[in-house]
Amino acid sequence: MTVREAAAALGAEICQDVFNDSELSGAYTSDLLSDVMANAKDGGALVTIQAHRNTVAVATLVNITVIVVCNSRPLPDDMLEAAKDEGIAVIRTRENQFTVSGKLWDLLKNP
């Protein structure tokens, strides 16, 4: 499943759309960025409510493909610009992390 397909399936808004629409290899859910650095896998989605530039920096370190921001959190311009510079997609949904994680798990286990 590609990033754009996942966004559509989640009913999420693509807020930063300058990225390579690659296949997702999995997902990781956390709001603790040090946890993301230690445990997230290459090519996956990061499900979080952390909507700031540091989230993009961490996503870059672990080669995250898309940041999924939950709970309709506002997205600062500097975050979106950093994501654009790094080629990381940013999508936003009004659903919470638990719901999005469950949906992604289901979508990714049955491609």
C-alpha atoms as a PDB file:
ATOM      1  CA  MET A   1       0.000   0.000   0.000  1.00  0.00           C
ATOM      2  CA  THR A   2       1.404   3.389  -0.977  1.00  0.00           C
ATOM      3  CA  VAL A   3       1.283   6.554   1.107  1.00  0.00           C
ATOM      4  CA  ARG A   4      -1.470   8.043  -1.058  1.00  0.00           C
ATOM      5  CA  GLU A   5      -3.500   4.830  -0.906  1.00  0.00           C
ATOM      6  CA  ALA A   6      -3.135   4.757   2.875  1.00  0.00           C
ATOM      7  CA  ALA A   7      -4.200   8.401   3.155  1.00  0.00           C
ATOM      8  CA  ALA A   8      -7.282   7.708   1.046  1.00  0.00           C
ATOM      9  CA  ALA A   9      -8.160   4.574   3.021  1.00  0.00           C
ATOM     10  CA  LEU A  10      -7.841   6.510   6.286  1.00  0.00           C
ATOM     11  CA  GLY A  11      -9.834   9.456   4.966  1.00  0.00           C
ATOM     12  CA  ALA A  12      -6.861  11.639   5.875  1.00  0.00           C
ATOM     13  CA  GLU A  13      -5.883  14.986   4.416  1.00  0.00           C
ATOM     14  CA  ILE A  14      -2.515  15.104   2.629  1.00  0.00           C
ATOM     15  CA  CYS A  15      -0.944  18.283   4.007  1.00  0.00           C
ATOM     16  CA  GLN A  16       2.568  17.934   2.556  1.00  0.00           C
ATOM     17  CA  ASP A  17       2.398  16.320  -0.869  1.00  0.00           C
ATOM     18  CA  VAL A  18       5.945  16.567  -2.218  1.00  0.00           C
ATOM     19  CA  PHE A  19       7.187  13.015  -1.654  1.00  0.00           C
ATOM     20  CA  ASN A  20       7.898   9.714  -3.362  1.00  0.00           C
ATOM     21  CA  ASP A  21       4.663   7.714  -3.161  1.00  0.00           C
ATOM     22  CA  SER A  22       6.376   4.527  -2.043  1.00  0.00           C
ATOM     23  CA  GLU A  23       5.045   1.355  -0.472  1.00  0.00           C
ATOM     24  CA  LEU A  24       4.683   1.445   3.305  1.00  0.00           C
ATOM     25  CA  SER A  25       6.653  -1.236   5.119  1.00  0.00           C
ATOM     26  CA  GLY A  26       4.769  -0.855   8.399  1.00  0.00           C
ATOM     27  CA  ALA A  27       3.846   1.705  11.021  1.00  0.00           C
ATOM     28  CA  TYR A  28       4.869   2.809  14.489  1.00  0.00           C
ATOM     29  CA  THR A  29       2.762   4.741  16.971  1.00  0.00           C
ATOM     30  CA  SER A  30       4.376   6.958  19.586  1.00  0.00           C
ATOM     31  CA  ASP A  31       4.405  10.507  20.896  1.00  0.00           C
ATOM     32  CA  LEU A  32       7.814  10.097  22.531  1.00  0.00           C
ATOM     33  CA  LEU A  33      10.344  10.974  19.847  1.00  0.00           C
ATOM     34  CA  SER A  34      13.228   9.136  21.538  1.00  0.00           C
ATOM     35  CA  ASP A  35      11.049   6.008  21.420  1.00  0.00           C
ATOM     36  CA  VAL A  36      10.489   6.552  17.705  1.00  0.00           C
ATOM     37  CA  MET A  37      14.255   6.842  17.152  1.00  0.00           C
ATOM     38  CA  ALA A  38      14.839   3.577  19.003  1.00  0.00           C
ATOM     39  CA  ASN A  39      12.021   1.481  17.558  1.00  0.00           C
ATOM     40  CA  ALA A  40      10.506   2.743  14.288  1.00  0.00           C
ATOM     41  CA  LYS A  41      11.463   0.906  11.100  1.00  0.00           C
ATOM     42  CA  ASP A  42      12.597   2.195   7.716  1.00  0.00           C
ATOM     43  CA  GLY A  43       9.904   3.028   5.204  1.00  0.00           C
ATOM     44  CA  GLY A  44       7.031   3.064   7.659  1.00  0.00           C
ATOM     45  CA  ALA A  45       4.410   5.475   8.887  1.00  0.00           C
ATOM     46  CA  LEU A  46       4.705   7.364  12.164  1.00  0.00           C
ATOM     47  CA  VAL A  47       1.349   7.787  13.911  1.00  0.00           C
ATOM     48  CA  THR A  48       1.511  10.638  16.438  1.00  0.00           C
ATOM     49  CA  ILE A  49       0.076  13.878  17.779  1.00  0.00           C
ATOM     50  CA  GLN A  50       3.518  15.512  17.763  1.00  0.00           C
ATOM     51  CA  ALA A  51       3.134  18.223  15.143  1.00  0.00           C
ATOM     52  CA  HIS A  52       6.376  20.178  15.048  1.00  0.00           C
ATOM     53  CA  ARG A  53       9.678  20.421  13.214  1.00  0.00           C
ATOM     54  CA  ASN A  54      11.429  17.975  15.572  1.00  0.00           C
ATOM     55  CA  THR A  55       9.014  15.249  14.487  1.00  0.00           C
ATOM     56  CA  VAL A  56      10.324  15.636  10.947  1.00  0.00           C
ATOM     57  CA  ALA A  57      13.937  15.548  12.158  1.00  0.00           C
ATOM     58  CA  VAL A  58      13.302  12.253  13.958  1.00  0.00           C
ATOM     59  CA  ALA A  59      11.397  10.849  10.976  1.00  0.00           C
ATOM     60  CA  THR A  60      14.403  11.654   8.801  1.00  0.00           C
ATOM     61  CA  LEU A  61      16.781   9.839  11.166  1.00  0.00           C
ATOM     62  CA  VAL A  62      14.810   6.594  10.985  1.00  0.00           C
ATOM     63  CA  ASN A  63      13.707   6.944   7.346  1.00  0.00           C
ATOM     64  CA  ILE A  64       9.978   7.337   8.039  1.00  0.00           C
ATOM     65  CA  THR A  65       7.947   7.687   4.837  1.00  0.00           C
ATOM     66  CA  VAL A  66       4.878   9.472   6.216  1.00  0.00           C
ATOM     67  CA  ILE A  67       3.934  11.250   9.426  1.00  0.00           C
ATOM     68  CA  VAL A  68       0.273  10.720  10.326  1.00  0.00           C
ATOM     69  CA  VAL A  69      -0.839  13.501  12.660  1.00  0.00           C
ATOM     70  CA  CYS A  70      -3.944  12.585  14.634  1.00  0.00           C
ATOM     71  CA  ASN A  71      -6.694  14.503  16.445  1.00  0.00           C
ATOM     72  CA  SER A  72      -6.754  17.254  13.775  1.00  0.00           C
ATOM     73  CA  ARG A  73      -3.725  18.889  15.360  1.00  0.00           C
ATOM     74  CA  PRO A  74      -2.671  22.145  13.710  1.00  0.00           C
ATOM     75  CA  LEU A  75       0.430  21.813  11.543  1.00  0.00           C
ATOM     76  CA  PRO A  76       2.965  24.635  11.750  1.00  0.00           C
ATOM     77  CA  ASP A  77       4.419  25.943   8.513  1.00  0.00           C
ATOM     78  CA  ASP A  78       7.994  25.166   9.565  1.00  0.00           C
ATOM     79  CA  MET A  79       7.061  21.521  10.079  1.00  0.00           C
ATOM     80  CA  LEU A  80       5.512  21.264   6.625  1.00  0.00           C
ATOM     81  CA  GLU A  81       8.468  23.050   5.035  1.00  0.00           C
ATOM     82  CA  ALA A  82      10.945  20.720   6.761  1.00  0.00           C
ATOM     83  CA  ALA A  83       8.935  17.692   5.620  1.00  0.00           C
ATOM     84  CA  LYS A  84       8.902  19.035   2.065  1.00  0.00           C
ATOM     85  CA  ASP A  85      12.685  19.542   2.166  1.00  0.00           C
ATOM     86  CA  GLU A  86      13.124  15.941   3.341  1.00  0.00           C
ATOM     87  CA  GLY A  87      10.486  14.420   1.032  1.00  0.00           C
ATOM     88  CA  ILE A  88       8.398  13.116   3.926  1.00  0.00           C
ATOM     89  CA  ALA A  89       4.637  13.051   3.480  1.00  0.00           C
ATOM     90  CA  VAL A  90       2.498  14.593   6.224  1.00  0.00           C
ATOM     91  CA  ILE A  91      -1.126  13.585   6.503  1.00  0.00           C
ATOM     92  CA  ARG A  92      -3.689  14.600   9.090  1.00  0.00           C
ATOM     93  CA  THR A  93      -6.763  12.879  10.428  1.00  0.00           C
ATOM     94  CA  ARG A  94      -9.332  13.759  13.048  1.00  0.00           C
ATOM     95  CA  GLU A  95      -9.154  10.235  14.486  1.00  0.00           C
ATOM     96  CA  ASN A  96      -7.004   9.317  17.487  1.00  0.00           C
ATOM     97  CA  GLN A  97      -3.812   7.252  17.452  1.00  0.00           C
ATOM     98  CA  PHE A  98      -5.507   4.062  18.626  1.00  0.00           C
ATOM     99  CA  THR A  99      -8.044   4.115  15.810  1.00  0.00           C
ATOM    100  CA  VAL A 100      -5.515   5.038  13.130  1.00  0.00           C
ATOM    101  CA  SER A 101      -3.068   2.373  14.339  1.00  0.00           C
ATOM    102  CA  GLY A 102      -5.751  -0.293  14.155  1.00  0.00           C
ATOM    103  CA  LYS A 103      -6.790   0.765  10.677  1.00  0.00           C
ATOM    104  CA  LEU A 104      -3.207   0.835   9.432  1.00  0.00           C
ATOM    105  CA  TRP A 105      -2.504  -2.567  10.935  1.00  0.00           C
ATOM    106  CA  ASP A 106      -5.502  -3.981   9.123  1.00  0.00           C
ATOM    107  CA  LEU A 107      -4.604  -2.281   5.826  1.00  0.00           C
ATOM    108  CA  LEU A 108      -0.967  -3.356   5.942  1.00  0.00           C
ATOM    109  CA  LYS A 109      -1.532  -6.952   6.985  1.00  0.00           C
ATOM    110  CA  ASN A 110      -3.911  -7.496   4.032  1.00  0.00           C
ATOM    111  CA  PRO A 111      -2.341  -5.581   1.139  1.00  0.00           C
END
